[in-house]
Every structure is written in structure tokens, then in C-alpha cells.
Amino acid sequence: MGTSLKLPHIVTHGLVHAQILRRSRPRIPNLLLITVLEGAADLVANLVSGRTAVESRADYAQANREALLQRYAKDLAETPERREEWLCNSSRVTVEPADVGYWIGEEICRDYLAMASDKQAAVRNIIPLVDPEAIVVKIRVSRPRRRLRGERRRRASGIRW
């Protein structure tokens, strides 16, 4: 996808970050916090733009979902303050697409939204992200991904959602 086609996603992602209202340091590890912050911005941007910012990352992550989630859980347990393997790592990764943590964070937020009975209230919690712990406590990302109502299926043309 060319840069001009990514513009709605990029702008929305940035606007979500601008709305984040963290008042204090949450009691969750740095890796999980940053993953959820980036995932929240990506989820909202994907819902607004109808596109994923990096198709290859999403494709890779979906194809390797279980292994990625297991590795992430292991890293979260063993090195909870280190994010270098998952985020902001485009100059260091060679085996997989960069920034796979964005996808994991999006899955966390997507799961939170899918489980919420009041979707509008859930989005109102995701966008300002005042309480990331509330999102993290309710997640169950180990199961297959659920589409949210209104999301389109992936088309054969390669357009994501």
C-alpha cells in the first residue's frame, strides 16, 4: 500500500496517541503497557481507515500467532521491562517483520472490544487509555482472532479487512 493510501491510518494512529490520558504509571510491566498503547492506536486506526498499516506484519503475525503469543508471554514473564524485541525494532530484526508488538497490542485491544457488551464504552476506554489495566485484565488473546461487527473479511486482492 502506498504512503498516500496509508495516510488516514497514520493520522488516526497519531490522533489516538494524542488522546491518551495516562495520569499515573499503571501497575503493569513496561512491555505490556507500550504494547497496549501502540495496539490501541493501531486498532482504532484500522477500524477508521479500513486498512492495516503494515500488511506483511499482520500476515506474518496471523500465520505465526500461537508461537508469537507464547514467546511474548515468556518475554513478559522473564524480561517485563524490555520492549526492544517487540517494538521500535526496525533496525534490529532480521527474521520477522519489525514491531510485531503492535499487532499483539492490537489483538489485546480487539479482544477487549469484542468481549465488551457496550462497544461504545469500550472504545471510550481504549482511546484515552486512562486505565490500561482494565483492558489487560479482561483479555484472552490465546484463542483465534474474532472479527468485530462491521469488519470486512480479507479480500483475495490483498486488502486487509
Protein backbone atom coordinates (compact mmCIF):
# COMPACT_ATOMS: atom_id res chain seq x y z
CA MET A 1 0.00 0.00 0.00
CA GLY A 2 1.43 3.36 -0.99
CA THR A 3 2.07 6.12 1.52
CA SER A 4 -0.91 8.20 0.38
CA LEU A 5 -3.22 5.24 0.98
CA LYS A 6 -1.75 4.84 4.48
CA LEU A 7 -2.34 8.49 5.39
CA PRO A 8 -5.77 8.00 7.06
CA HIS A 9 -4.30 5.18 9.15
CA ILE A 10 -1.18 7.17 10.09
CA VAL A 11 -3.16 10.28 11.04
CA THR A 12 -5.71 8.32 13.09
CA HIS A 13 -2.95 6.38 14.84
CA GLY A 14 -1.30 9.66 15.83
CA LEU A 15 -4.59 11.21 16.95
CA VAL A 16 -5.28 8.26 19.24
CA HIS A 17 -1.86 8.73 20.83
CA ALA A 18 -2.66 12.42 21.31
CA GLN A 19 -5.82 11.45 23.23
CA ILE A 20 -4.10 9.16 25.71
CA LEU A 21 -4.69 10.47 29.23
CA ARG A 22 -2.47 8.37 31.46
CA ARG A 23 -2.48 10.09 34.80
CA SER A 24 -0.05 7.82 36.57
CA ARG A 25 2.21 4.87 35.87
CA PRO A 26 -0.02 1.78 35.64
CA ARG A 27 0.91 -1.29 37.65
CA ILE A 28 1.65 -3.36 34.57
CA PRO A 29 5.07 -4.09 33.05
CA ASN A 30 6.54 -1.61 30.57
CA LEU A 31 6.47 -4.16 27.73
CA LEU A 32 2.75 -4.75 28.20
CA LEU A 33 1.97 -1.05 28.66
CA ILE A 34 3.71 0.06 25.45
CA THR A 35 2.27 -2.91 23.56
CA VAL A 36 -1.27 -1.90 24.61
CA LEU A 37 -0.63 1.80 23.86
CA GLU A 38 0.50 1.01 20.32
CA GLY A 39 -2.14 -1.64 19.84
CA ALA A 40 -4.93 0.72 20.88
CA ALA A 41 -3.77 3.28 18.33
CA ASP A 42 -3.47 0.64 15.61
CA LEU A 43 -6.88 -0.90 16.34
CA VAL A 44 -8.70 2.42 16.16
CA ALA A 45 -6.72 3.44 13.07
CA ASN A 46 -7.57 0.13 11.38
CA LEU A 47 -11.26 0.49 12.21
CA VAL A 48 -11.35 4.08 10.92
CA SER A 49 -9.23 3.59 7.79
CA GLY A 50 -10.28 0.06 6.93
CA ARG A 51 -6.62 -0.83 6.44
CA THR A 52 -3.66 -2.23 8.31
CA ALA A 53 -0.52 -0.11 8.29
CA VAL A 54 1.85 -2.97 7.52
CA GLU A 55 0.27 -5.86 5.63
CA SER A 56 3.35 -8.07 5.85
CA ARG A 57 3.46 -7.73 9.65
CA ALA A 58 -0.21 -8.63 10.01
CA ASP A 59 0.12 -11.57 7.62
CA TYR A 60 3.22 -12.88 9.40
CA ALA A 61 1.66 -12.45 12.84
CA GLN A 62 -1.57 -14.21 11.87
CA ALA A 63 0.36 -17.11 10.34
CA ASN A 64 2.59 -17.41 13.44
CA ARG A 65 0.02 -16.40 16.05
CA GLU A 66 0.50 -19.15 18.64
CA ALA A 67 4.30 -19.08 18.54
CA LEU A 68 4.34 -15.26 18.82
CA LEU A 69 1.91 -15.21 21.74
CA GLN A 70 3.88 -17.90 23.56
CA ARG A 71 7.17 -16.05 23.01
CA TYR A 72 5.59 -12.77 24.09
CA ALA A 73 4.21 -14.36 27.28
CA LYS A 74 7.64 -15.81 28.03
CA ASP A 75 9.36 -12.46 27.49
CA LEU A 76 6.71 -10.71 29.57
CA ALA A 77 7.37 -13.13 32.42
CA GLU A 78 11.17 -13.07 32.16
CA THR A 79 12.01 -9.53 30.99
CA PRO A 80 8.86 -7.44 31.57
CA GLU A 81 10.56 -4.06 31.22
CA ARG A 82 12.30 -4.77 27.89
CA ARG A 83 10.44 -3.95 24.72
CA GLU A 84 13.27 -3.98 22.17
CA GLU A 85 12.36 -7.36 20.70
CA TRP A 86 8.74 -6.35 20.13
CA LEU A 87 8.54 -2.60 19.48
CA CYS A 88 10.63 0.10 17.80
CA ASN A 89 12.99 -2.53 16.45
CA SER A 90 13.08 -2.00 12.69
CA SER A 91 16.87 -1.58 12.67
CA ARG A 92 17.44 -4.81 14.63
CA VAL A 93 15.08 -7.50 13.36
CA THR A 94 16.01 -9.81 10.52
CA VAL A 95 13.87 -12.93 10.94
CA GLU A 96 10.38 -11.43 11.19
CA PRO A 97 8.71 -8.11 10.37
CA ALA A 98 9.53 -5.23 12.72
CA ASP A 99 7.25 -4.12 15.51
CA VAL A 100 5.21 -7.31 15.91
CA GLY A 101 4.28 -5.96 19.34
CA TYR A 102 1.91 -3.51 17.61
CA TRP A 103 -0.04 -6.50 16.31
CA ILE A 104 -0.08 -8.15 19.75
CA GLY A 105 -1.32 -4.92 21.33
CA GLU A 106 -3.99 -4.62 18.68
CA GLU A 107 -5.11 -8.19 19.41
CA ILE A 108 -5.30 -7.39 23.12
CA CYS A 109 -7.47 -4.33 22.47
CA ARG A 110 -9.50 -6.14 19.81
CA ASP A 111 -10.27 -8.93 22.27
CA TYR A 112 -11.26 -6.40 24.93
CA LEU A 113 -13.59 -4.68 22.47
CA ALA A 114 -15.05 -7.95 21.17
CA MET A 115 -15.87 -9.11 24.72
CA ALA A 116 -17.45 -5.81 25.77
CA SER A 117 -21.23 -5.74 25.88
CA ASP A 118 -21.15 -1.95 25.43
CA LYS A 119 -18.86 -1.37 22.43
CA GLN A 120 -19.08 2.42 22.65
CA ALA A 121 -18.00 2.39 26.29
CA ALA A 122 -15.14 0.03 25.40
CA VAL A 123 -13.92 2.38 22.65
CA ARG A 124 -14.21 5.30 25.07
CA ASN A 125 -11.85 3.37 27.37
CA ILE A 126 -9.48 2.35 24.57
CA ILE A 127 -8.97 5.79 23.02
CA PRO A 128 -7.96 7.79 26.08
CA LEU A 129 -6.44 4.66 27.64
CA VAL A 130 -6.82 6.11 31.11
CA ASP A 131 -6.82 2.62 32.59
CA PRO A 132 -4.79 0.14 30.50
CA GLU A 133 -5.00 -2.35 33.37
CA ALA A 134 -8.77 -2.64 32.84
CA ILE A 135 -8.12 -3.78 29.27
CA VAL A 136 -5.32 -6.18 30.17
CA VAL A 137 -7.26 -7.86 32.97
CA LYS A 138 -10.06 -8.89 30.62
CA ILE A 139 -8.07 -10.27 27.69
CA ARG A 140 -7.95 -13.78 26.33
CA VAL A 141 -5.72 -13.50 23.24
CA SER A 142 -4.69 -17.15 23.22
CA ARG A 143 -7.73 -18.12 21.18
CA PRO A 144 -8.23 -17.46 17.44
CA ARG A 145 -8.91 -13.88 16.40
CA ARG A 146 -12.51 -12.73 16.28
CA ARG A 147 -13.72 -10.18 13.78
CA LEU A 148 -15.60 -7.25 15.20
CA ARG A 149 -19.06 -6.48 13.91
CA GLY A 150 -18.75 -4.39 10.77
CA GLU A 151 -15.27 -5.62 9.88
CA ARG A 152 -14.98 -6.97 6.38
CA ARG A 153 -13.39 -10.28 5.55
CA ARG A 154 -10.00 -10.18 3.91
CA ARG A 155 -10.35 -9.99 0.15
CA ALA A 156 -8.32 -12.02 -2.31
CA SER A 157 -6.92 -8.76 -3.66
CA GLY A 158 -4.81 -8.42 -0.53
CA ILE A 159 -6.75 -5.59 1.08
CA ARG A 160 -6.74 -6.14 4.82
CA TRP A 161 -10.27 -6.14 6.28
